[in-house]
Amino acid sequence: MKMVRVDDTLLGQAWHFEAAPGLFSPDRVDDGTRLLLDHLPTTPPSQVLDMGCGYGALGLPVARAFPNARCTLVDRDLLAVECARNNAAAAGLPNVHAMGSLGYRDITQGPFDWVLCNVPARIGRQGVGYLMAEGASRLTPQGVLMVVVIRDLAPVVVSLKDTLSWIGLRNVARGARHDVFSLPAMNAPGHEHENLYVLDTVTYAMDGKNRSLVRPHDINEDPGHLKAGMPLLLECLPRAPGRCLVVRGGYGAAAVLLAQRGGQVTAVDRDLMGTTYTRRNAAHCQVEVRTQDTVWPARVLEGERFDLVTGETHSQEDPSLWLENLTATLELLAPGGQALWLVREKQKKLLPPTAVTLAQRGDYAVVRLGPPPPGTKRGR
């Protein structure tokens, strides 16, 4: 995988980050991060939490500026965590601990003097309230939560102040497209971390029966995916699947169907939102869910072989990255095995000539590929 280099000056220091394609703002430090860094609290911290750290553009400059502070960097995307960890090591920052967590669910550190967060744009009103209220509840008595949101979310934050009685909420700064808010320490009700991300319940036809699955906010589902893309993939999956691997399968529709058909199913995802909701939706059947801290499932499943590998490309994913990922995944096929991949029409032309189109619906197609020829080499 070809990493992206991001050079910038933050908090008066030169920075050279490495970011992976597909992460948030991989080619430049976004304006929201820069605005938040320009309006940090004035009292030096002892413990800092960067919630949703990405490759480290927010938390790492803070860690360098305050070398005596213990800085915990957290992200639900384990590839982002790996990048943040590598960037901390390259910068020589022993005061940084990078880890994966879905929201605050897995965090045992704290309390924190600062909780910093660049709030995701598509997380929903309930998710915004959770990130802010739960963060404020994990502060020291004199601590402060600082968040930056896109301008469209600023009214949501203000309305939450009235609904939840957030005494002390302040609009600290306004940029061209972002707002920075601060919130002091406060008590918050115990949150059911995973339930706060629920968007709705969706229904798929599976072998003549309707199966309802819980869908979370911000799972990166493409427009038309629910009505066209995923149903098309489900229709193409085999009746006797054998040993199956589902790669980055969202909230688990393909994994659930394959398990219902008697498949021995392993689902792999680097997104803890995906693994969490796959487990939830597959609670009634047998699905092994694993996490990966890399784009390469082949590294996570070294030496294992599968009769069926299935997955899909995402509209925002870098074309060269998903193609490399797909190529690496084919190495996990057993002799005689097949890969069934859901792609968009414009992505078909990038596939190897051995790819066979099984079905097409609108902008979506399911293609079949076999194992790579013996001796095929690829880079990682």
Protein backbone atom coordinates (compact mmCIF):
# COMPACT_ATOMS: atom_id res chain seq x y z
CA MET A 1 0.00 0.00 0.00
CA LYS A 2 1.29 3.44 -0.91
CA MET A 3 1.02 5.75 2.09
CA VAL A 4 0.19 9.45 1.77
CA ARG A 5 2.58 11.99 3.30
CA VAL A 6 1.11 15.07 4.97
CA ASP A 7 3.51 17.92 5.76
CA ASP A 8 2.36 20.84 7.90
CA THR A 9 3.25 23.18 10.74
CA LEU A 10 1.05 22.77 13.83
CA LEU A 11 1.48 24.42 17.23
CA GLY A 12 4.69 25.95 15.93
CA GLN A 13 6.30 22.60 15.02
CA ALA A 14 6.96 20.99 11.64
CA TRP A 15 5.11 17.73 11.10
CA HIS A 16 5.49 14.89 8.61
CA PHE A 17 2.56 12.49 8.97
CA GLU A 18 1.96 9.29 7.08
CA ALA A 19 -1.69 8.56 6.34
CA ALA A 20 -3.41 5.68 4.58
CA PRO A 21 -5.79 6.32 1.69
CA GLY A 22 -9.36 6.02 2.92
CA LEU A 23 -8.78 7.66 6.29
CA PHE A 24 -10.28 11.04 7.17
CA SER A 25 -8.56 13.92 5.32
CA PRO A 26 -5.53 11.83 4.23
CA ASP A 27 -3.96 14.46 1.97
CA ARG A 28 -4.03 17.52 4.26
CA VAL A 29 -4.74 18.56 7.83
CA ASP A 30 -8.39 19.62 7.72
CA ASP A 31 -9.52 23.10 8.70
CA GLY A 32 -11.50 21.85 11.71
CA THR A 33 -8.42 20.24 13.29
CA ARG A 34 -6.42 23.39 12.67
CA LEU A 35 -9.14 25.58 14.24
CA LEU A 36 -9.29 23.39 17.35
CA LEU A 37 -5.50 23.42 17.73
CA ASP A 38 -5.59 27.22 17.58
CA HIS A 39 -8.05 27.39 20.51
CA LEU A 40 -6.78 24.88 23.06
CA PRO A 41 -7.26 25.53 26.79
CA THR A 42 -4.60 27.67 28.45
CA THR A 43 -3.89 25.42 31.46
CA PRO A 44 -1.30 22.70 30.65
CA PRO A 45 -2.79 19.19 30.91
CA SER A 46 -1.52 16.05 32.64
CA GLN A 47 -3.83 13.66 30.78
CA VAL A 48 -5.32 14.18 27.31
CA LEU A 49 -7.79 12.11 25.30
CA ASP A 50 -8.08 12.57 21.52
CA MET A 51 -11.39 10.92 20.58
CA GLY A 52 -11.42 9.91 16.91
CA CYS A 53 -7.72 10.51 16.38
CA GLY A 54 -7.35 9.48 12.74
CA TYR A 55 -3.66 9.38 11.85
CA GLY A 56 -2.83 11.78 14.70
CA ALA A 57 -3.08 15.29 13.27
CA LEU A 58 -4.75 16.60 16.44
CA GLY A 59 -3.41 14.50 19.31
CA LEU A 60 0.24 14.21 18.28
CA PRO A 61 0.98 17.98 18.10
CA VAL A 62 -0.60 18.26 21.57
CA ALA A 63 1.61 15.42 22.84
CA ARG A 64 4.74 17.14 21.52
CA ALA A 65 3.72 20.54 22.91
CA PHE A 66 3.08 19.03 26.36
CA PRO A 67 5.71 16.27 26.80
CA ASN A 68 4.77 15.69 30.45
CA ALA A 69 1.15 14.90 29.54
CA ARG A 70 -0.03 11.34 28.96
CA CYS A 71 -1.94 11.41 25.67
CA THR A 72 -4.42 8.67 24.74
CA LEU A 73 -5.40 8.60 21.06
CA VAL A 74 -8.50 6.59 20.19
CA ASP A 75 -10.24 5.66 16.94
CA ARG A 76 -12.80 3.05 15.89
CA ASP A 77 -10.84 2.47 12.63
CA LEU A 78 -7.91 0.22 13.53
CA LEU A 79 -6.00 1.28 10.43
CA ALA A 80 -6.14 4.87 11.75
CA VAL A 81 -4.87 3.62 15.11
CA GLU A 82 -1.96 1.89 13.39
CA CYS A 83 -1.09 5.09 11.50
CA ALA A 84 -1.29 7.21 14.66
CA ARG A 85 0.91 4.75 16.51
CA ASN A 86 3.49 4.74 13.72
CA ASN A 87 3.47 8.55 13.47
CA ALA A 88 3.97 8.83 17.25
CA ALA A 89 6.95 6.48 17.07
CA ALA A 90 8.44 8.38 14.11
CA ALA A 91 8.09 11.65 16.05
CA GLY A 92 9.72 10.15 19.15
CA LEU A 93 6.71 10.65 21.44
CA PRO A 94 6.83 8.15 24.34
CA ASN A 95 3.88 9.89 26.04
CA VAL A 96 1.38 8.64 23.42
CA HIS A 97 -0.82 5.57 23.69
CA ALA A 98 -2.94 4.82 20.58
CA MET A 99 -5.77 2.30 20.86
CA GLY A 100 -9.01 1.19 19.23
CA SER A 101 -12.41 1.82 20.79
CA LEU A 102 -15.97 2.30 19.61
CA GLY A 103 -16.57 5.68 21.18
CA TYR A 104 -15.63 5.58 24.86
CA ARG A 105 -16.61 1.92 25.26
CA ASP A 106 -13.13 0.43 25.69
CA ILE A 107 -11.36 3.34 27.43
CA THR A 108 -10.21 2.63 30.99
CA GLN A 109 -7.74 5.53 31.27
CA GLY A 110 -8.59 8.87 32.87
CA PRO A 111 -9.90 11.10 34.23
CA PHE A 112 -8.60 13.57 31.66
CA ASP A 113 -7.75 17.26 31.87
CA TRP A 114 -8.58 17.67 28.19
CA VAL A 115 -10.88 15.65 25.95
CA LEU A 116 -10.51 16.72 22.31
CA CYS A 117 -12.71 15.60 19.44
CA ASN A 118 -13.22 16.44 15.78
CA VAL A 119 -16.83 15.25 15.62
CA PRO A 120 -17.75 13.10 12.56
CA ALA A 121 -20.20 14.83 10.25
CA ARG A 122 -22.59 11.87 9.82
CA ILE A 123 -22.84 10.51 13.33
CA GLY A 124 -26.34 11.82 14.06
CA ARG A 125 -27.77 13.98 16.85
CA GLN A 126 -27.69 11.22 19.43
CA GLY A 127 -24.07 10.41 18.58
CA VAL A 128 -23.02 14.06 18.93
CA GLY A 129 -24.67 14.20 22.35
CA TYR A 130 -22.92 11.01 23.39
CA LEU A 131 -19.45 12.14 22.32
CA MET A 132 -19.82 15.39 24.22
CA ALA A 133 -21.67 14.30 27.39
CA GLU A 134 -19.66 11.11 27.91
CA GLY A 135 -16.43 13.02 27.28
CA ALA A 136 -17.35 15.69 29.83
CA SER A 137 -18.12 12.97 32.38
CA ARG A 138 -14.56 11.65 32.04
CA LEU A 139 -12.90 14.96 32.91
CA THR A 140 -11.08 15.96 36.06
CA PRO A 141 -13.04 18.54 38.13
CA GLN A 142 -11.26 21.41 36.37
CA GLY A 143 -11.00 19.69 33.00
CA VAL A 144 -12.52 20.77 29.71
CA LEU A 145 -13.99 19.07 26.67
CA MET A 146 -13.18 20.77 23.35
CA VAL A 147 -14.93 19.73 20.14
CA VAL A 148 -14.94 21.05 16.60
CA VAL A 149 -17.96 20.47 14.37
CA ILE A 150 -18.86 21.40 10.83
CA ARG A 151 -21.09 24.46 10.61
CA ASP A 152 -24.22 22.35 9.89
CA LEU A 153 -23.82 20.59 13.26
CA ALA A 154 -23.46 23.78 15.32
CA PRO A 155 -27.25 24.17 15.74
CA VAL A 156 -27.40 20.55 16.90
CA VAL A 157 -24.88 21.26 19.64
CA VAL A 158 -26.79 24.36 20.74
CA SER A 159 -30.08 22.47 20.84
CA LEU A 160 -28.48 19.72 22.93
CA LYS A 161 -27.44 22.37 25.43
CA ASP A 162 -31.09 23.21 26.04
CA THR A 163 -32.37 19.63 25.93
CA LEU A 164 -29.72 18.17 28.24
CA SER A 165 -29.08 21.25 30.41
CA TRP A 166 -25.45 21.62 29.51
CA ILE A 167 -24.54 24.47 31.82
CA GLY A 168 -21.26 26.04 30.77
CA LEU A 169 -21.33 25.17 27.06
CA ARG A 170 -19.45 27.87 25.13
CA ASN A 171 -18.92 28.58 21.47
CA VAL A 172 -15.19 29.24 21.59
CA ALA A 173 -14.42 29.97 17.94
CA ARG A 174 -15.97 30.17 14.49
CA GLY A 175 -14.10 29.42 11.30
CA ALA A 176 -15.19 29.54 7.68
CA ARG A 177 -16.86 26.11 7.91
CA HIS A 178 -16.42 24.96 11.52
CA ASP A 179 -17.30 25.86 15.11
CA VAL A 180 -15.37 25.01 18.28
CA PHE A 181 -17.32 24.38 21.50
CA SER A 182 -16.12 23.79 25.06
CA LEU A 183 -17.91 22.00 27.89
CA PRO A 184 -16.74 21.73 31.51
CA ALA A 185 -16.76 18.59 33.63
CA MET A 186 -20.21 17.24 34.46
CA ASN A 187 -21.96 14.06 35.45
CA ALA A 188 -23.65 12.10 32.67
CA PRO A 189 -25.98 9.10 32.74
CA GLY A 190 -24.35 5.77 32.05
CA HIS A 191 -24.44 5.24 28.31
CA GLU A 192 -25.15 2.05 26.42
CA HIS A 193 -22.27 2.82 24.09
CA GLU A 194 -23.32 0.65 21.15
CA ASN A 195 -27.03 1.52 21.15
CA LEU A 196 -26.29 5.22 20.74
CA TYR A 197 -25.13 4.63 17.17
CA VAL A 198 -28.34 2.94 16.01
CA LEU A 199 -29.79 4.60 12.89
CA ASP A 200 -32.65 2.25 12.03
CA THR A 201 -33.64 -1.33 11.24
CA VAL A 202 -33.47 -2.55 7.65
CA THR A 203 -34.97 -5.68 6.12
CA TYR A 204 -33.44 -8.04 3.55
CA ALA A 205 -35.07 -11.03 1.88
CA MET A 206 -33.02 -14.08 2.83
CA ASP A 207 -34.09 -17.45 1.39
CA GLY A 208 -37.74 -16.51 1.26
CA LYS A 209 -37.83 -14.91 4.70
CA ASN A 210 -37.41 -11.30 5.72
CA ARG A 211 -34.50 -10.74 8.09
CA SER A 212 -34.30 -7.45 10.01
CA LEU A 213 -30.84 -6.07 10.77
CA VAL A 214 -29.88 -3.13 12.95
CA ARG A 215 -28.04 -0.46 10.95
CA PRO A 216 -25.80 2.12 12.65
CA HIS A 217 -25.02 5.69 11.72
CA ASP A 218 -21.84 6.38 9.76
CA ILE A 219 -21.24 2.87 8.41
CA ASN A 220 -20.31 4.28 4.99
CA GLU A 221 -23.28 2.83 3.08
CA ASP A 222 -23.42 4.07 -0.50
CA PRO A 223 -26.58 5.66 -1.96
CA GLY A 224 -28.71 2.90 -3.47
CA HIS A 225 -26.76 0.26 -1.61
CA LEU A 226 -29.73 -0.85 0.49
CA LYS A 227 -32.15 -1.30 -2.42
CA ALA A 228 -29.81 -2.41 -5.19
CA GLY A 229 -26.26 -3.28 -4.20
CA MET A 230 -26.55 -5.51 -1.16
CA PRO A 231 -29.67 -7.41 -2.37
CA LEU A 232 -27.79 -8.16 -5.60
CA LEU A 233 -24.81 -9.58 -3.69
CA LEU A 234 -27.07 -11.68 -1.46
CA GLU A 235 -28.81 -13.14 -4.51
CA CYS A 236 -25.44 -14.27 -5.93
CA LEU A 237 -24.09 -15.97 -2.81
CA PRO A 238 -23.92 -19.78 -3.09
CA ARG A 239 -26.38 -22.13 -1.41
CA ALA A 240 -23.67 -24.44 -0.05
CA PRO A 241 -20.99 -21.90 0.86
CA GLY A 242 -18.46 -24.04 2.79
CA ARG A 243 -15.83 -22.04 4.65
CA CYS A 244 -16.50 -18.33 4.07
CA LEU A 245 -14.67 -15.06 4.60
CA VAL A 246 -16.59 -11.77 4.59
CA VAL A 247 -14.27 -8.76 4.23
CA ARG A 248 -15.45 -5.36 5.50
CA GLY A 249 -19.06 -6.49 5.32
CA GLY A 250 -20.69 -3.48 6.99
CA TYR A 251 -23.27 -4.46 9.60
CA GLY A 252 -23.27 -8.13 8.62
CA ALA A 253 -25.92 -8.88 5.96
CA ALA A 254 -23.74 -11.24 3.89
CA ALA A 255 -22.28 -12.91 7.00
CA VAL A 256 -25.75 -13.60 8.40
CA LEU A 257 -27.07 -15.14 5.16
CA LEU A 258 -24.01 -17.36 4.69
CA ALA A 259 -24.22 -18.56 8.30
CA GLN A 260 -27.94 -19.33 7.88
CA ARG A 261 -27.00 -21.50 4.90
CA GLY A 262 -24.62 -23.55 7.00
CA GLY A 263 -21.41 -21.79 6.08
CA GLN A 264 -18.48 -21.63 8.47
CA VAL A 265 -18.23 -17.85 8.43
CA THR A 266 -15.42 -15.52 9.46
CA ALA A 267 -16.06 -11.77 9.18
CA VAL A 268 -13.07 -9.41 9.18
CA ASP A 269 -13.20 -5.63 9.49
CA ARG A 270 -10.89 -2.85 10.59
CA ASP A 271 -13.91 -0.71 11.62
CA LEU A 272 -15.11 -1.47 15.15
CA MET A 273 -18.54 -0.16 14.15
CA GLY A 274 -18.73 -2.91 11.56
CA THR A 275 -17.53 -5.69 13.88
CA THR A 276 -19.84 -4.53 16.68
CA TYR A 277 -22.99 -4.54 14.55
CA THR A 278 -22.05 -7.73 12.71
CA ARG A 279 -21.85 -9.49 16.09
CA ARG A 280 -25.17 -7.96 17.08
CA ASN A 281 -26.99 -8.94 13.90
CA ALA A 282 -25.44 -12.42 13.83
CA ALA A 283 -26.24 -13.21 17.46
CA HIS A 284 -28.71 -15.91 16.38
CA CYS A 285 -26.19 -17.75 14.17
CA GLN A 286 -22.54 -18.78 14.12
CA VAL A 287 -20.23 -16.04 12.82
CA GLU A 288 -16.65 -15.56 13.96
CA VAL A 289 -15.85 -11.85 13.94
CA ARG A 290 -12.23 -10.67 13.86
CA THR A 291 -10.65 -7.25 13.78
CA GLN A 292 -7.78 -6.18 11.52
CA ASP A 293 -5.36 -3.32 12.11
CA THR A 294 -4.33 -3.24 8.46
CA VAL A 295 -5.92 -3.07 5.03
CA TRP A 296 -4.67 -6.57 4.30
CA PRO A 297 -6.91 -9.41 5.53
CA ALA A 298 -4.21 -11.77 4.27
CA ARG A 299 -1.94 -10.56 7.08
CA VAL A 300 -4.63 -11.20 9.70
CA LEU A 301 -5.52 -14.65 8.32
CA GLU A 302 -2.05 -15.84 7.34
CA GLY A 303 -2.13 -19.48 6.22
CA GLU A 304 -5.93 -19.87 6.31
CA ARG A 305 -7.94 -20.81 3.24
CA PHE A 306 -11.59 -20.27 2.32
CA ASP A 307 -13.99 -21.73 -0.24
CA LEU A 308 -15.70 -18.37 -0.62
CA VAL A 309 -14.45 -14.83 -0.08
CA THR A 310 -16.91 -11.98 -0.44
CA GLY A 311 -16.79 -8.25 0.06
CA GLU A 312 -17.47 -4.95 -1.64
CA THR A 313 -15.83 -1.73 -2.71
CA HIS A 314 -16.88 1.61 -1.25
CA SER A 315 -17.47 4.70 -3.34
CA GLN A 316 -15.07 6.84 -1.29
CA GLU A 317 -12.28 4.26 -1.22
CA ASP A 318 -9.09 4.88 -3.17
CA PRO A 319 -9.27 2.74 -6.37
CA SER A 320 -5.70 1.48 -6.17
CA LEU A 321 -6.16 0.59 -2.51
CA TRP A 322 -9.29 -1.54 -2.90
CA LEU A 323 -7.84 -3.27 -5.94
CA GLU A 324 -4.67 -4.15 -4.03
CA ASN A 325 -6.81 -5.27 -1.12
CA LEU A 326 -8.94 -7.46 -3.38
CA THR A 327 -5.85 -8.98 -4.99
CA ALA A 328 -4.39 -9.79 -1.58
CA THR A 329 -7.68 -11.31 -0.45
CA LEU A 330 -7.69 -13.72 -3.42
CA GLU A 331 -4.61 -15.37 -1.91
CA LEU A 332 -6.85 -16.70 0.86
CA LEU A 333 -8.91 -18.81 -1.53
CA ALA A 334 -8.68 -22.58 -1.30
CA PRO A 335 -8.14 -24.55 -4.54
CA GLY A 336 -11.38 -24.35 -6.46
CA GLY A 337 -12.60 -21.46 -4.32
CA GLN A 338 -14.17 -18.26 -5.59
CA ALA A 339 -14.43 -14.61 -4.66
CA LEU A 340 -17.71 -12.76 -5.23
CA TRP A 341 -17.24 -9.00 -5.05
CA LEU A 342 -19.77 -6.19 -5.23
CA VAL A 343 -18.42 -3.31 -7.33
CA ARG A 344 -19.68 -0.14 -8.97
CA GLU A 345 -19.87 0.03 -12.76
CA LYS A 346 -16.93 2.45 -13.06
CA GLN A 347 -14.75 0.08 -11.00
CA LYS A 348 -15.25 -2.95 -13.25
CA LYS A 349 -12.72 -1.68 -15.78
CA LEU A 350 -9.99 -1.86 -13.13
CA LEU A 351 -10.52 -5.57 -12.48
CA PRO A 352 -8.26 -8.26 -13.96
CA PRO A 353 -9.44 -9.84 -17.25
CA THR A 354 -10.27 -13.06 -15.41
CA ALA A 355 -13.14 -11.33 -13.57
CA VAL A 356 -16.57 -12.56 -14.68
CA THR A 357 -19.71 -10.44 -14.21
CA LEU A 358 -22.41 -12.63 -12.67
CA ALA A 359 -25.19 -10.06 -12.32
CA GLN A 360 -25.80 -6.35 -12.65
CA ARG A 361 -28.43 -4.00 -11.26
CA GLY A 362 -28.24 -0.30 -11.95
CA ASP A 363 -24.78 0.94 -11.04
CA TYR A 364 -23.87 -2.24 -9.14
CA ALA A 365 -22.38 -5.52 -10.36
CA VAL A 366 -21.27 -8.76 -8.72
CA VAL A 367 -18.09 -10.20 -10.20
CA ARG A 368 -16.49 -13.59 -9.67
CA LEU A 369 -12.74 -14.14 -9.41
CA GLY A 370 -10.62 -17.19 -8.70
CA PRO A 371 -7.30 -17.71 -6.90
CA PRO A 372 -4.28 -15.92 -8.39
CA PRO A 373 -1.97 -18.01 -10.59
CA PRO A 374 0.87 -19.79 -8.73
CA GLY A 375 3.87 -17.56 -8.20
CA THR A 376 1.91 -14.30 -8.37
CA LYS A 377 3.57 -11.65 -6.21
CA ARG A 378 2.21 -8.41 -4.86
CA GLY A 379 3.44 -5.60 -2.60
CA ARG A 380 2.19 -4.72 0.86
